Amino acid sequence: MSESGTLTQTPEDRWQLRFERVLAHPLDTLEEREKAAQDGAGWHACLDALSAALDGAAHPRAALDGYRDVRARYVESFGPEAATIGPPDGMQ
């Protein structure tokens, strides 16, 4: 596993994050089971947006619009006890 990446500022005053290698075993460890559906859906939606951006989508952030549906699927999969801590404000 390698954690090689670079963060650079573009001439347009934007930021680029470039990964040189992919982590072999990505893992998110939660302190509270009650937010597993929220965090799982958040990672899922963000990775969908990243995938859309890499595929050249005009508006990759639109992939985040599916957060609510994805969260509902995680609640169904993990059970209601994994969803007692809700999503952040604005994502409900």
PDB file of N, CA and C in Angstrom:
ATOM      1  N   MET A   1       0.855  -1.162   0.000  1.00  0.00           N
ATOM      2  CA  MET A   1       0.000   0.000   0.000  1.00  0.00           C
ATOM      3  C   MET A   1       0.901   1.225   0.000  1.00  0.00           C
ATOM      4  N   SER A   2       0.517   2.192  -0.820  1.00  0.00           N
ATOM      5  CA  SER A   2       1.272   3.425  -0.892  1.00  0.00           C
ATOM      6  C   SER A   2       0.330   4.602  -0.752  1.00  0.00           C
ATOM      7  N   GLU A   3       0.751   5.611  -0.037  1.00  0.00           N
ATOM      8  CA  GLU A   3      -0.065   6.796   0.154  1.00  0.00           C
ATOM      9  C   GLU A   3       0.570   7.974  -0.572  1.00  0.00           C
ATOM     10  N   SER A   4       0.871   7.791  -1.839  1.00  0.00           N
ATOM     11  CA  SER A   4       1.524   8.813  -2.623  1.00  0.00           C
ATOM     12  C   SER A   4       0.490   9.684  -3.320  1.00  0.00           C
ATOM     13  N   GLY A   5       0.540  10.961  -3.091  1.00  0.00           N
ATOM     14  CA  GLY A   5      -0.371  11.885  -3.737  1.00  0.00           C
ATOM     15  C   GLY A   5       0.180  13.291  -3.678  1.00  0.00           C
ATOM     16  N   THR A   6      -0.320  14.144  -4.535  1.00  0.00           N
ATOM     17  CA  THR A   6       0.138  15.528  -4.544  1.00  0.00           C
ATOM     18  C   THR A   6      -1.062  16.463  -4.599  1.00  0.00           C
ATOM     19  N   LEU A   7      -0.914  17.609  -3.982  1.00  0.00           N
ATOM     20  CA  LEU A   7      -1.929  18.648  -4.011  1.00  0.00           C
ATOM     21  C   LEU A   7      -1.254  19.890  -4.566  1.00  0.00           C
ATOM     22  N   THR A   8      -1.778  20.405  -5.678  1.00  0.00           N
ATOM     23  CA  THR A   8      -1.177  21.579  -6.309  1.00  0.00           C
ATOM     24  C   THR A   8      -2.243  22.600  -6.652  1.00  0.00           C
ATOM     25  N   GLN A   9      -1.815  23.861  -6.676  1.00  0.00           N
ATOM     26  CA  GLN A   9      -2.716  24.942  -7.043  1.00  0.00           C
ATOM     27  C   GLN A   9      -2.536  25.247  -8.523  1.00  0.00           C
ATOM     28  N   THR A  10      -3.648  25.420  -9.229  1.00  0.00           N
ATOM     29  CA  THR A  10      -3.610  25.699 -10.665  1.00  0.00           C
ATOM     30  C   THR A  10      -3.514  27.207 -10.902  1.00  0.00           C
ATOM     31  N   PRO A  11      -3.169  27.606 -12.117  1.00  0.00           N
ATOM     32  CA  PRO A  11      -3.149  29.038 -12.424  1.00  0.00           C
ATOM     33  C   PRO A  11      -4.516  29.700 -12.254  1.00  0.00           C
ATOM     34  N   GLU A  12      -5.597  28.926 -12.355  1.00  0.00           N
ATOM     35  CA  GLU A  12      -6.950  29.466 -12.186  1.00  0.00           C
ATOM     36  C   GLU A  12      -7.353  29.548 -10.721  1.00  0.00           C
ATOM     37  N   ASP A  13      -6.397  29.381  -9.818  1.00  0.00           N
ATOM     38  CA  ASP A  13      -6.629  29.424  -8.374  1.00  0.00           C
ATOM     39  C   ASP A  13      -7.575  28.326  -7.906  1.00  0.00           C
ATOM     40  N   ARG A  14      -7.441  27.153  -8.506  1.00  0.00           N
ATOM     41  CA  ARG A  14      -8.176  25.967  -8.081  1.00  0.00           C
ATOM     42  C   ARG A  14      -7.142  24.980  -7.555  1.00  0.00           C
ATOM     43  N   TRP A  15      -7.617  23.882  -6.986  1.00  0.00           N
ATOM     44  CA  TRP A  15      -6.718  22.885  -6.410  1.00  0.00           C
ATOM     45  C   TRP A  15      -6.896  21.554  -7.118  1.00  0.00           C
ATOM     46  N   GLN A  16      -5.795  20.882  -7.367  1.00  0.00           N
ATOM     47  CA  GLN A  16      -5.830  19.545  -7.957  1.00  0.00           C
ATOM     48  C   GLN A  16      -5.208  18.562  -6.977  1.00  0.00           C
ATOM     49  N   LEU A  17      -5.905  17.469  -6.760  1.00  0.00           N
ATOM     50  CA  LEU A  17      -5.407  16.378  -5.937  1.00  0.00           C
ATOM     51  C   LEU A  17      -5.149  15.212  -6.862  1.00  0.00           C
ATOM     52  N   ARG A  18      -3.918  14.777  -6.930  1.00  0.00           N
ATOM     53  CA  ARG A  18      -3.552  13.694  -7.840  1.00  0.00           C
ATOM     54  C   ARG A  18      -3.030  12.510  -7.026  1.00  0.00           C
ATOM     55  N   PHE A  19      -3.625  11.364  -7.281  1.00  0.00           N
ATOM     56  CA  PHE A  19      -3.196  10.136  -6.620  1.00  0.00           C
ATOM     57  C   PHE A  19      -2.258   9.380  -7.543  1.00  0.00           C
ATOM     58  N   GLU A  20      -1.133   8.984  -7.023  1.00  0.00           N
ATOM     59  CA  GLU A  20      -0.154   8.234  -7.806  1.00  0.00           C
ATOM     60  C   GLU A  20      -0.421   6.734  -7.731  1.00  0.00           C
ATOM     61  N   ARG A  21      -1.021   6.300  -6.624  1.00  0.00           N
ATOM     62  CA  ARG A  21      -1.338   4.886  -6.443  1.00  0.00           C
ATOM     63  C   ARG A  21      -2.654   4.791  -5.682  1.00  0.00           C
ATOM     64  N   VAL A  22      -3.292   3.677  -5.810  1.00  0.00           N
ATOM     65  CA  VAL A  22      -4.554   3.450  -5.103  1.00  0.00           C
ATOM     66  C   VAL A  22      -4.266   2.609  -3.867  1.00  0.00           C
ATOM     67  N   LEU A  23      -4.907   2.942  -2.770  1.00  0.00           N
ATOM     68  CA  LEU A  23      -4.737   2.155  -1.550  1.00  0.00           C
ATOM     69  C   LEU A  23      -5.334   0.771  -1.751  1.00  0.00           C
ATOM     70  N   ALA A  24      -4.619  -0.229  -1.336  1.00  0.00           N
ATOM     71  CA  ALA A  24      -5.065  -1.607  -1.545  1.00  0.00           C
ATOM     72  C   ALA A  24      -6.270  -1.956  -0.673  1.00  0.00           C
ATOM     73  N   HIS A  25      -6.326  -1.418   0.528  1.00  0.00           N
ATOM     74  CA  HIS A  25      -7.387  -1.770   1.463  1.00  0.00           C
ATOM     75  C   HIS A  25      -7.934  -0.521   2.148  1.00  0.00           C
ATOM     76  N   PRO A  26      -8.735   0.279   1.409  1.00  0.00           N
ATOM     77  CA  PRO A  26      -9.305   1.464   2.060  1.00  0.00           C
ATOM     78  C   PRO A  26     -10.238   1.041   3.181  1.00  0.00           C
ATOM     79  N   LEU A  27     -10.209   1.779   4.272  1.00  0.00           N
ATOM     80  CA  LEU A  27     -10.996   1.407   5.444  1.00  0.00           C
ATOM     81  C   LEU A  27     -11.392   2.663   6.189  1.00  0.00           C
ATOM     82  N   ASP A  28     -12.645   2.765   6.553  1.00  0.00           N
ATOM     83  CA  ASP A  28     -13.132   3.861   7.380  1.00  0.00           C
ATOM     84  C   ASP A  28     -13.609   3.232   8.674  1.00  0.00           C
ATOM     85  N   THR A  29     -12.978   3.560   9.778  1.00  0.00           N
ATOM     86  CA  THR A  29     -13.356   3.018  11.075  1.00  0.00           C
ATOM     87  C   THR A  29     -14.257   4.016  11.787  1.00  0.00           C
ATOM     88  N   LEU A  30     -15.427   3.574  12.177  1.00  0.00           N
ATOM     89  CA  LEU A  30     -16.406   4.443  12.821  1.00  0.00           C
ATOM     90  C   LEU A  30     -16.354   4.274  14.329  1.00  0.00           C
ATOM     91  N   GLU A  31     -16.500   5.384  15.028  1.00  0.00           N
ATOM     92  CA  GLU A  31     -16.595   5.330  16.482  1.00  0.00           C
ATOM     93  C   GLU A  31     -18.012   4.971  16.919  1.00  0.00           C
ATOM     94  N   GLU A  32     -19.008   5.354  16.109  1.00  0.00           N
ATOM     95  CA  GLU A  32     -20.405   5.124  16.463  1.00  0.00           C
ATOM     96  C   GLU A  32     -21.096   4.360  15.351  1.00  0.00           C
ATOM     97  N   ARG A  33     -21.651   3.194  15.692  1.00  0.00           N
ATOM     98  CA  ARG A  33     -22.380   2.408  14.705  1.00  0.00           C
ATOM     99  C   ARG A  33     -23.587   3.174  14.172  1.00  0.00           C
ATOM    100  N   GLU A  34     -24.133   4.052  14.997  1.00  0.00           N
ATOM    101  CA  GLU A  34     -25.358   4.765  14.665  1.00  0.00           C
ATOM    102  C   GLU A  34     -25.233   5.661  13.423  1.00  0.00           C
ATOM    103  N   LYS A  35     -24.017   5.937  12.988  1.00  0.00           N
ATOM    104  CA  LYS A  35     -23.857   6.771  11.799  1.00  0.00           C
ATOM    105  C   LYS A  35     -23.278   6.006  10.613  1.00  0.00           C
ATOM    106  N   ALA A  36     -23.331   4.681  10.668  1.00  0.00           N
ATOM    107  CA  ALA A  36     -22.788   3.862   9.585  1.00  0.00           C
ATOM    108  C   ALA A  36     -23.496   4.102   8.257  1.00  0.00           C
ATOM    109  N   ALA A  37     -24.814   4.245   8.281  1.00  0.00           N
ATOM    110  CA  ALA A  37     -25.554   4.484   7.040  1.00  0.00           C
ATOM    111  C   ALA A  37     -25.185   5.841   6.454  1.00  0.00           C
ATOM    112  N   GLN A  38     -25.074   6.847   7.323  1.00  0.00           N
ATOM    113  CA  GLN A  38     -24.694   8.180   6.882  1.00  0.00           C
ATOM    114  C   GLN A  38     -23.306   8.176   6.254  1.00  0.00           C
ATOM    115  N   ASP A  39     -22.327   7.624   6.953  1.00  0.00           N
ATOM    116  CA  ASP A  39     -20.954   7.639   6.446  1.00  0.00           C
ATOM    117  C   ASP A  39     -20.789   6.774   5.204  1.00  0.00           C
ATOM    118  N   GLY A  40     -21.416   5.601   5.207  1.00  0.00           N
ATOM    119  CA  GLY A  40     -21.329   4.732   4.033  1.00  0.00           C
ATOM    120  C   GLY A  40     -21.916   5.400   2.810  1.00  0.00           C
ATOM    121  N   ALA A  41     -23.072   6.037   2.972  1.00  0.00           N
ATOM    122  CA  ALA A  41     -23.704   6.735   1.853  1.00  0.00           C
ATOM    123  C   ALA A  41     -22.864   7.927   1.413  1.00  0.00           C
ATOM    124  N   GLY A  42     -22.256   8.612   2.367  1.00  0.00           N
ATOM    125  CA  GLY A  42     -21.403   9.748   2.028  1.00  0.00           C
ATOM    126  C   GLY A  42     -20.207   9.341   1.192  1.00  0.00           C
ATOM    127  N   TRP A  43     -19.516   8.294   1.622  1.00  0.00           N
ATOM    128  CA  TRP A  43     -18.389   7.774   0.837  1.00  0.00           C
ATOM    129  C   TRP A  43     -18.872   7.340  -0.539  1.00  0.00           C
ATOM    130  N   HIS A  44     -19.972   6.624  -0.586  1.00  0.00           N
ATOM    131  CA  HIS A  44     -20.529   6.106  -1.834  1.00  0.00           C
ATOM    132  C   HIS A  44     -20.813   7.250  -2.814  1.00  0.00           C
ATOM    133  N   ALA A  45     -21.512   8.291  -2.331  1.00  0.00           N
ATOM    134  CA  ALA A  45     -21.867   9.427  -3.187  1.00  0.00           C
ATOM    135  C   ALA A  45     -20.622  10.185  -3.642  1.00  0.00           C
ATOM    136  N   CYS A  46     -19.662  10.369  -2.749  1.00  0.00           N
ATOM    137  CA  CYS A  46     -18.437  11.079  -3.128  1.00  0.00           C
ATOM    138  C   CYS A  46     -17.625  10.291  -4.149  1.00  0.00           C
ATOM    139  N   LEU A  47     -17.554   8.991  -3.987  1.00  0.00           N
ATOM    140  CA  LEU A  47     -16.837   8.176  -4.971  1.00  0.00           C
ATOM    141  C   LEU A  47     -17.567   8.152  -6.306  1.00  0.00           C
ATOM    142  N   ASP A  48     -18.911   8.185  -6.284  1.00  0.00           N
ATOM    143  CA  ASP A  48     -19.668   8.303  -7.531  1.00  0.00           C
ATOM    144  C   ASP A  48     -19.338   9.625  -8.231  1.00  0.00           C
ATOM    145  N   ALA A  49     -19.247  10.723  -7.453  1.00  0.00           N
ATOM    146  CA  ALA A  49     -18.913  12.032  -8.025  1.00  0.00           C
ATOM    147  C   ALA A  49     -17.492  12.025  -8.587  1.00  0.00           C
ATOM    148  N   LEU A  50     -16.560  11.400  -7.876  1.00  0.00           N
ATOM    149  CA  LEU A  50     -15.190  11.293  -8.374  1.00  0.00           C
ATOM    150  C   LEU A  50     -15.149  10.496  -9.668  1.00  0.00           C
ATOM    151  N   SER A  51     -15.877   9.402  -9.714  1.00  0.00           N
ATOM    152  CA  SER A  51     -15.933   8.583 -10.922  1.00  0.00           C
ATOM    153  C   SER A  51     -16.509   9.375 -12.092  1.00  0.00           C
ATOM    154  N   ALA A  52     -17.567  10.140 -11.819  1.00  0.00           N
ATOM    155  CA  ALA A  52     -18.173  10.960 -12.869  1.00  0.00           C
ATOM    156  C   ALA A  52     -17.180  11.999 -13.381  1.00  0.00           C
ATOM    157  N   ALA A  53     -16.426  12.611 -12.475  1.00  0.00           N
ATOM    158  CA  ALA A  53     -15.430  13.609 -12.877  1.00  0.00           C
ATOM    159  C   ALA A  53     -14.344  12.971 -13.730  1.00  0.00           C
ATOM    160  N   LEU A  54     -13.896  11.794 -13.326  1.00  0.00           N
ATOM    161  CA  LEU A  54     -12.853  11.100 -14.096  1.00  0.00           C
ATOM    162  C   LEU A  54     -13.357  10.667 -15.464  1.00  0.00           C
ATOM    163  N   ASP A  55     -14.672  10.436 -15.562  1.00  0.00           N
ATOM    164  CA  ASP A  55     -15.277  10.070 -16.848  1.00  0.00           C
ATOM    165  C   ASP A  55     -15.582  11.292 -17.713  1.00  0.00           C
ATOM    166  N   GLY A  56     -15.291  12.497 -17.187  1.00  0.00           N
ATOM    167  CA  GLY A  56     -15.478  13.712 -17.960  1.00  0.00           C
ATOM    168  C   GLY A  56     -16.858  14.318 -17.889  1.00  0.00           C
ATOM    169  N   ALA A  57     -17.633  13.976 -16.871  1.00  0.00           N
ATOM    170  CA  ALA A  57     -18.987  14.535 -16.732  1.00  0.00           C
ATOM    171  C   ALA A  57     -18.924  16.055 -16.611  1.00  0.00           C
ATOM    172  N   ALA A  58     -19.871  16.738 -17.244  1.00  0.00           N
ATOM    173  CA  ALA A  58     -19.909  18.194 -17.189  1.00  0.00           C
ATOM    174  C   ALA A  58     -20.175  18.696 -15.766  1.00  0.00           C
ATOM    175  N   HIS A  59     -20.979  17.961 -15.010  1.00  0.00           N
ATOM    176  CA  HIS A  59     -21.334  18.361 -13.652  1.00  0.00           C
ATOM    177  C   HIS A  59     -21.196  17.159 -12.716  1.00  0.00           C
ATOM    178  N   PRO A  60     -19.973  16.769 -12.373  1.00  0.00           N
ATOM    179  CA  PRO A  60     -19.785  15.565 -11.545  1.00  0.00           C
ATOM    180  C   PRO A  60     -20.429  15.662 -10.170  1.00  0.00           C
ATOM    181  N   ARG A  61     -20.590  16.885  -9.645  1.00  0.00           N
ATOM    182  CA  ARG A  61     -21.215  17.016  -8.326  1.00  0.00           C
ATOM    183  C   ARG A  61     -22.676  16.584  -8.346  1.00  0.00           C
ATOM    184  N   ALA A  62     -23.268  16.490  -9.523  1.00  0.00           N
ATOM    185  CA  ALA A  62     -24.652  16.023  -9.626  1.00  0.00           C
ATOM    186  C   ALA A  62     -24.783  14.612  -9.063  1.00  0.00           C
ATOM    187  N   ALA A  63     -23.688  13.853  -9.060  1.00  0.00           N
ATOM    188  CA  ALA A  63     -23.714  12.499  -8.494  1.00  0.00           C
ATOM    189  C   ALA A  63     -24.041  12.538  -7.004  1.00  0.00           C
ATOM    190  N   LEU A  64     -23.755  13.662  -6.342  1.00  0.00           N
ATOM    191  CA  LEU A  64     -24.076  13.788  -4.920  1.00  0.00           C
ATOM    192  C   LEU A  64     -25.579  13.885  -4.679  1.00  0.00           C
ATOM    193  N   ASP A  65     -26.338  14.230  -5.715  1.00  0.00           N
ATOM    194  CA  ASP A  65     -27.789  14.328  -5.575  1.00  0.00           C
ATOM    195  C   ASP A  65     -28.422  12.989  -5.214  1.00  0.00           C
ATOM    196  N   GLY A  66     -27.742  11.895  -5.500  1.00  0.00           N
ATOM    197  CA  GLY A  66     -28.265  10.571  -5.192  1.00  0.00           C
ATOM    198  C   GLY A  66     -28.034  10.142  -3.763  1.00  0.00           C
ATOM    199  N   TYR A  67     -27.483  11.041  -2.921  1.00  0.00           N
ATOM    200  CA  TYR A  67     -27.148  10.693  -1.539  1.00  0.00           C
ATOM    201  C   TYR A  67     -28.333  10.116  -0.781  1.00  0.00           C
ATOM    202  N   ARG A  68     -29.493  10.752  -0.876  1.00  0.00           N
ATOM    203  CA  ARG A  68     -30.657  10.300  -0.105  1.00  0.00           C
ATOM    204  C   ARG A  68     -31.058   8.868  -0.462  1.00  0.00           C
ATOM    205  N   ASP A  69     -31.064   8.574  -1.770  1.00  0.00           N
ATOM    206  CA  ASP A  69     -31.428   7.224  -2.206  1.00  0.00           C
ATOM    207  C   ASP A  69     -30.383   6.208  -1.760  1.00  0.00           C
ATOM    208  N   VAL A  70     -29.122   6.585  -1.874  1.00  0.00           N
ATOM    209  CA  VAL A  70     -28.043   5.685  -1.455  1.00  0.00           C
ATOM    210  C   VAL A  70     -28.129   5.448   0.049  1.00  0.00           C
ATOM    211  N   ARG A  71     -28.382   6.518   0.824  1.00  0.00           N
ATOM    212  CA  ARG A  71     -28.488   6.377   2.281  1.00  0.00           C
ATOM    213  C   ARG A  71     -29.637   5.435   2.641  1.00  0.00           C
ATOM    214  N   ALA A  72     -30.746   5.543   1.939  1.00  0.00           N
ATOM    215  CA  ALA A  72     -31.887   4.657   2.208  1.00  0.00           C
ATOM    216  C   ALA A  72     -31.502   3.196   1.990  1.00  0.00           C
ATOM    217  N   ARG A  73     -30.701   2.942   0.971  1.00  0.00           N
ATOM    218  CA  ARG A  73     -30.249   1.564   0.713  1.00  0.00           C
ATOM    219  C   ARG A  73     -29.298   1.081   1.816  1.00  0.00           C
ATOM    220  N   TYR A  74     -28.452   1.984   2.332  1.00  0.00           N
ATOM    221  CA  TYR A  74     -27.557   1.603   3.425  1.00  0.00           C
ATOM    222  C   TYR A  74     -28.352   1.337   4.709  1.00  0.00           C
ATOM    223  N   VAL A  75     -29.380   2.147   4.966  1.00  0.00           N
ATOM    224  CA  VAL A  75     -30.230   1.915   6.139  1.00  0.00           C
ATOM    225  C   VAL A  75     -30.892   0.548   6.021  1.00  0.00           C
ATOM    226  N   GLU A  76     -31.399   0.235   4.844  1.00  0.00           N
ATOM    227  CA  GLU A  76     -32.033  -1.070   4.630  1.00  0.00           C
ATOM    228  C   GLU A  76     -31.032  -2.206   4.837  1.00  0.00           C
ATOM    229  N   SER A  77     -29.832  -2.016   4.356  1.00  0.00           N
ATOM    230  CA  SER A  77     -28.812  -3.063   4.454  1.00  0.00           C
ATOM    231  C   SER A  77     -28.255  -3.217   5.872  1.00  0.00           C
ATOM    232  N   PHE A  78     -27.982  -2.074   6.544  1.00  0.00           N
ATOM    233  CA  PHE A  78     -27.338  -2.115   7.863  1.00  0.00           C
ATOM    234  C   PHE A  78     -28.322  -2.201   9.014  1.00  0.00           C
ATOM    235  N   GLY A  79     -29.592  -1.870   8.749  1.00  0.00           N
ATOM    236  CA  GLY A  79     -30.596  -1.859   9.799  1.00  0.00           C
ATOM    237  C   GLY A  79     -30.798  -0.477  10.371  1.00  0.00           C
ATOM    238  N   PRO A  80     -31.975  -0.231  10.966  1.00  0.00           N
ATOM    239  CA  PRO A  80     -32.301   1.105  11.465  1.00  0.00           C
ATOM    240  C   PRO A  80     -31.384   1.584  12.584  1.00  0.00           C
ATOM    241  N   GLU A  81     -30.800   0.658  13.344  1.00  0.00           N
ATOM    242  CA  GLU A  81     -29.901   1.067  14.433  1.00  0.00           C
ATOM    243  C   GLU A  81     -28.607   1.700  13.908  1.00  0.00           C
ATOM    244  N   ALA A  82     -28.327   1.512  12.627  1.00  0.00           N
ATOM    245  CA  ALA A  82     -27.135   2.118  12.023  1.00  0.00           C
ATOM    246  C   ALA A  82     -27.452   3.471  11.412  1.00  0.00           C
ATOM    247  N   ALA A  83     -28.630   4.001  11.722  1.00  0.00           N
ATOM    248  CA  ALA A  83     -29.039   5.260  11.105  1.00  0.00           C
ATOM    249  C   ALA A  83     -29.668   6.224  12.113  1.00  0.00           C
ATOM    250  N   THR A  84     -29.334   6.087  13.387  1.00  0.00           N
ATOM    251  CA  THR A  84     -29.931   6.979  14.368  1.00  0.00           C
ATOM    252  C   THR A  84     -29.232   8.330  14.420  1.00  0.00           C
ATOM    253  N   ILE A  85     -28.005   8.413  13.924  1.00  0.00           N
ATOM    254  CA  ILE A  85     -27.344   9.709  13.745  1.00  0.00           C
ATOM    255  C   ILE A  85     -27.534  10.039  12.273  1.00  0.00           C
ATOM    256  N   GLY A  86     -28.258  11.123  12.031  1.00  0.00           N
ATOM    257  CA  GLY A  86     -28.660  11.468  10.677  1.00  0.00           C
ATOM    258  C   GLY A  86     -27.589  12.143   9.850  1.00  0.00           C
ATOM    259  N   PRO A  87     -27.961  12.459   8.624  1.00  0.00           N
ATOM    260  CA  PRO A  87     -27.033  13.110   7.708  1.00  0.00           C
ATOM    261  C   PRO A  87     -26.778  14.552   8.136  1.00  0.00           C
ATOM    262  N   PRO A  88     -25.709  15.146   7.618  1.00  0.00           N
ATOM    263  CA  PRO A  88     -25.418  16.539   7.949  1.00  0.00           C
ATOM    264  C   PRO A  88     -26.501  17.473   7.432  1.00  0.00           C
ATOM    265  N   ASP A  89     -26.588  18.663   8.016  1.00  0.00           N
ATOM    266  CA  ASP A  89     -27.546  19.666   7.555  1.00  0.00           C
ATOM    267  C   ASP A  89     -27.372  19.906   6.073  1.00  0.00           C
ATOM    268  N   GLY A  90     -28.471  20.036   5.370  1.00  0.00           N
ATOM    269  CA  GLY A  90     -28.439  20.285   3.947  1.00  0.00           C
ATOM    270  C   GLY A  90     -28.430  19.018   3.106  1.00  0.00           C
ATOM    271  N   MET A  91     -28.212  17.869   3.701  1.00  0.00           N
ATOM    272  CA  MET A  91     -28.180  16.609   2.978  1.00  0.00           C
ATOM    273  C   MET A  91     -29.357  15.724   3.375  1.00  0.00           C
ATOM    274  N   GLN A  92     -30.286  16.255   4.145  1.00  0.00           N
ATOM    275  CA  GLN A  92     -31.385  15.432   4.660  1.00  0.00           C
ATOM    276  C   GLN A  92     -32.436  15.143   3.639  1.00  0.00           C
TER     277      GLN A  92
END
